[in-house]
N, C-alpha and C. Protein backbone atom coordinates (compact mmCIF):
# COMPACT_ATOMS: atom_id res chain seq x y z
N MET A 1 26.89 10.98 -20.53
CA MET A 1 26.49 12.01 -19.61
C MET A 1 26.65 11.48 -18.19
N ASN A 2 27.30 12.21 -17.38
CA ASN A 2 27.51 11.80 -16.01
C ASN A 2 26.31 12.25 -15.17
N ILE A 3 25.44 11.31 -14.85
CA ILE A 3 24.20 11.64 -14.16
C ILE A 3 24.47 12.14 -12.74
N ARG A 4 25.44 11.54 -12.06
CA ARG A 4 25.74 11.99 -10.70
C ARG A 4 26.16 13.45 -10.66
N LYS A 5 26.83 13.89 -11.68
CA LYS A 5 27.32 15.27 -11.74
C LYS A 5 26.15 16.24 -11.96
N ASN A 6 25.15 15.82 -12.70
CA ASN A 6 24.03 16.69 -13.05
C ASN A 6 22.73 16.33 -12.32
N PHE A 7 22.83 15.52 -11.28
CA PHE A 7 21.64 15.06 -10.59
C PHE A 7 20.88 16.21 -9.93
N GLU A 8 21.60 17.19 -9.40
CA GLU A 8 20.94 18.32 -8.76
C GLU A 8 20.11 19.10 -9.78
N ALA A 9 20.64 19.31 -10.96
CA ALA A 9 19.90 20.03 -12.00
C ALA A 9 18.68 19.23 -12.45
N ILE A 10 18.83 17.92 -12.56
CA ILE A 10 17.69 17.08 -12.95
C ILE A 10 16.61 17.14 -11.89
N PHE A 11 17.01 17.09 -10.62
CA PHE A 11 16.04 17.15 -9.52
C PHE A 11 15.31 18.50 -9.51
N LEU A 12 16.05 19.59 -9.67
CA LEU A 12 15.43 20.92 -9.67
C LEU A 12 14.48 21.09 -10.85
N ALA A 13 14.84 20.54 -12.01
CA ALA A 13 13.96 20.62 -13.18
C ALA A 13 12.68 19.83 -12.94
N ALA A 14 12.79 18.65 -12.33
CA ALA A 14 11.61 17.82 -12.04
C ALA A 14 10.73 18.51 -11.00
N ALA A 15 11.35 19.11 -9.98
CA ALA A 15 10.57 19.80 -8.95
C ALA A 15 9.86 21.02 -9.55
N ALA A 16 10.53 21.76 -10.41
CA ALA A 16 9.91 22.91 -11.05
C ALA A 16 8.76 22.49 -11.96
N LEU A 17 8.94 21.39 -12.68
CA LEU A 17 7.87 20.88 -13.54
C LEU A 17 6.67 20.45 -12.71
N GLY A 18 6.92 19.81 -11.57
CA GLY A 18 5.83 19.42 -10.68
C GLY A 18 5.11 20.62 -10.10
N LEU A 19 5.86 21.66 -9.76
CA LEU A 19 5.25 22.88 -9.23
C LEU A 19 4.37 23.56 -10.27
N VAL A 20 4.86 23.63 -11.50
CA VAL A 20 4.08 24.24 -12.58
C VAL A 20 2.82 23.43 -12.86
N ALA A 21 2.93 22.12 -12.87
CA ALA A 21 1.76 21.27 -13.12
C ALA A 21 0.75 21.40 -11.98
N SER A 22 1.23 21.50 -10.76
CA SER A 22 0.34 21.67 -9.62
C SER A 22 -0.39 23.01 -9.69
N TYR A 23 0.32 24.04 -10.04
CA TYR A 23 -0.29 25.37 -10.15
C TYR A 23 -1.29 25.41 -11.31
N ALA A 24 -0.98 24.75 -12.41
CA ALA A 24 -1.85 24.77 -13.58
C ALA A 24 -3.15 24.02 -13.33
N THR A 25 -3.11 22.99 -12.52
CA THR A 25 -4.31 22.18 -12.29
C THR A 25 -5.03 22.56 -11.01
N ALA A 26 -4.56 23.58 -10.29
CA ALA A 26 -5.19 23.96 -9.03
C ALA A 26 -6.59 24.51 -9.23
N ALA A 27 -6.83 25.19 -10.34
CA ALA A 27 -8.14 25.77 -10.59
C ALA A 27 -9.09 24.80 -11.27
N ALA A 28 -8.62 23.60 -11.56
CA ALA A 28 -9.47 22.61 -12.24
C ALA A 28 -10.58 22.16 -11.29
N ARG A 29 -11.66 21.73 -11.87
CA ARG A 29 -12.79 21.25 -11.09
C ARG A 29 -12.40 19.99 -10.31
N PRO A 30 -12.75 19.90 -9.04
CA PRO A 30 -12.36 18.71 -8.27
C PRO A 30 -13.07 17.45 -8.78
N VAL A 31 -12.46 16.34 -8.55
CA VAL A 31 -13.01 15.06 -8.99
C VAL A 31 -14.16 14.68 -8.07
N GLU A 32 -15.27 14.27 -8.66
CA GLU A 32 -16.43 13.84 -7.88
C GLU A 32 -16.34 12.33 -7.66
N VAL A 33 -16.40 11.94 -6.42
CA VAL A 33 -16.31 10.52 -6.08
C VAL A 33 -17.72 9.98 -5.90
N VAL A 34 -18.03 8.94 -6.63
CA VAL A 34 -19.34 8.32 -6.55
C VAL A 34 -19.30 7.24 -5.48
N LYS A 35 -20.22 7.32 -4.55
CA LYS A 35 -20.27 6.33 -3.47
C LYS A 35 -20.84 5.03 -4.01
N GLN A 36 -20.08 3.97 -3.82
CA GLN A 36 -20.54 2.66 -4.29
C GLN A 36 -21.43 2.03 -3.22
N GLU A 37 -22.24 1.10 -3.66
CA GLU A 37 -23.09 0.39 -2.72
C GLU A 37 -22.22 -0.46 -1.81
N SER A 38 -22.66 -0.59 -0.57
CA SER A 38 -21.89 -1.38 0.38
C SER A 38 -22.08 -2.87 0.08
N ALA A 39 -21.16 -3.66 0.55
CA ALA A 39 -21.21 -5.10 0.32
C ALA A 39 -22.38 -5.70 1.09
N ILE A 40 -22.99 -6.70 0.50
CA ILE A 40 -24.12 -7.38 1.12
C ILE A 40 -23.64 -8.74 1.61
N LEU A 41 -23.89 -9.00 2.88
CA LEU A 41 -23.49 -10.26 3.49
C LEU A 41 -24.52 -11.32 3.14
N ILE A 42 -24.08 -12.36 2.42
CA ILE A 42 -25.01 -13.40 2.00
C ILE A 42 -25.06 -14.52 3.03
N ASP A 43 -23.89 -14.98 3.47
CA ASP A 43 -23.82 -16.08 4.44
C ASP A 43 -23.33 -15.51 5.76
N SER A 44 -24.19 -15.48 6.76
CA SER A 44 -23.83 -14.84 8.03
C SER A 44 -23.19 -15.80 9.02
N THR A 45 -23.01 -17.06 8.64
CA THR A 45 -22.38 -18.01 9.58
C THR A 45 -20.87 -17.86 9.52
N VAL A 46 -20.25 -17.94 10.66
CA VAL A 46 -18.81 -17.83 10.76
C VAL A 46 -18.24 -19.22 10.96
N HIS A 47 -17.31 -19.59 10.11
CA HIS A 47 -16.69 -20.89 10.21
C HIS A 47 -15.53 -20.83 11.19
N VAL A 48 -15.51 -21.78 12.13
CA VAL A 48 -14.48 -21.80 13.16
C VAL A 48 -13.71 -23.09 13.04
N VAL A 49 -12.39 -22.99 13.08
CA VAL A 49 -11.54 -24.17 13.03
C VAL A 49 -10.89 -24.32 14.40
N VAL A 50 -11.05 -25.48 15.00
CA VAL A 50 -10.48 -25.76 16.31
C VAL A 50 -9.43 -26.84 16.13
N VAL A 51 -8.21 -26.55 16.57
CA VAL A 51 -7.12 -27.52 16.49
C VAL A 51 -6.79 -27.96 17.90
N LYS A 52 -6.96 -29.26 18.15
CA LYS A 52 -6.65 -29.80 19.46
C LYS A 52 -5.40 -30.65 19.35
N ALA A 53 -4.32 -30.12 19.86
CA ALA A 53 -3.05 -30.84 19.83
C ALA A 53 -2.20 -30.32 20.98
N PRO A 54 -1.39 -31.19 21.56
CA PRO A 54 -0.53 -30.72 22.64
C PRO A 54 0.61 -29.86 22.08
N ARG A 55 1.08 -28.93 22.90
CA ARG A 55 2.20 -28.09 22.50
C ARG A 55 3.48 -28.91 22.55
N LEU A 56 4.42 -28.55 21.67
CA LEU A 56 5.70 -29.25 21.65
C LEU A 56 6.58 -28.74 22.77
N SER A 57 7.33 -29.64 23.35
CA SER A 57 8.28 -29.23 24.38
C SER A 57 9.52 -28.65 23.68
N VAL A 58 10.42 -28.08 24.48
CA VAL A 58 11.62 -27.47 23.93
C VAL A 58 12.46 -28.53 23.23
N ALA A 59 12.55 -29.72 23.82
CA ALA A 59 13.35 -30.80 23.22
C ALA A 59 12.74 -31.26 21.90
N GLU A 60 11.43 -31.32 21.82
CA GLU A 60 10.77 -31.73 20.59
C GLU A 60 10.96 -30.67 19.50
N LYS A 61 10.90 -29.41 19.88
CA LYS A 61 11.13 -28.34 18.91
C LYS A 61 12.55 -28.40 18.38
N ALA A 62 13.52 -28.67 19.26
CA ALA A 62 14.90 -28.75 18.83
C ALA A 62 15.12 -29.96 17.92
N GLY A 63 14.36 -31.02 18.11
CA GLY A 63 14.49 -32.21 17.29
C GLY A 63 13.94 -32.03 15.89
N LEU A 64 13.09 -31.04 15.68
CA LEU A 64 12.51 -30.81 14.36
C LEU A 64 13.48 -30.16 13.40
N LYS A 65 14.49 -29.50 13.91
CA LYS A 65 15.44 -28.79 13.05
C LYS A 65 16.42 -29.69 12.39
């Protein structure tokens, strides 16, 4: 079966099936979303990392390659 030749028909069939499914489920009861409890912060300290180093010059950067 040459799919490229029949791709338009396959697309239209899939679109029609999606339209029918959408119409059929439009009257269905909406989904109820249950609100979950929010996250509880146990450790309130923030860890900070400080890096003290000089920046590389252009020549040093070129030497790394």
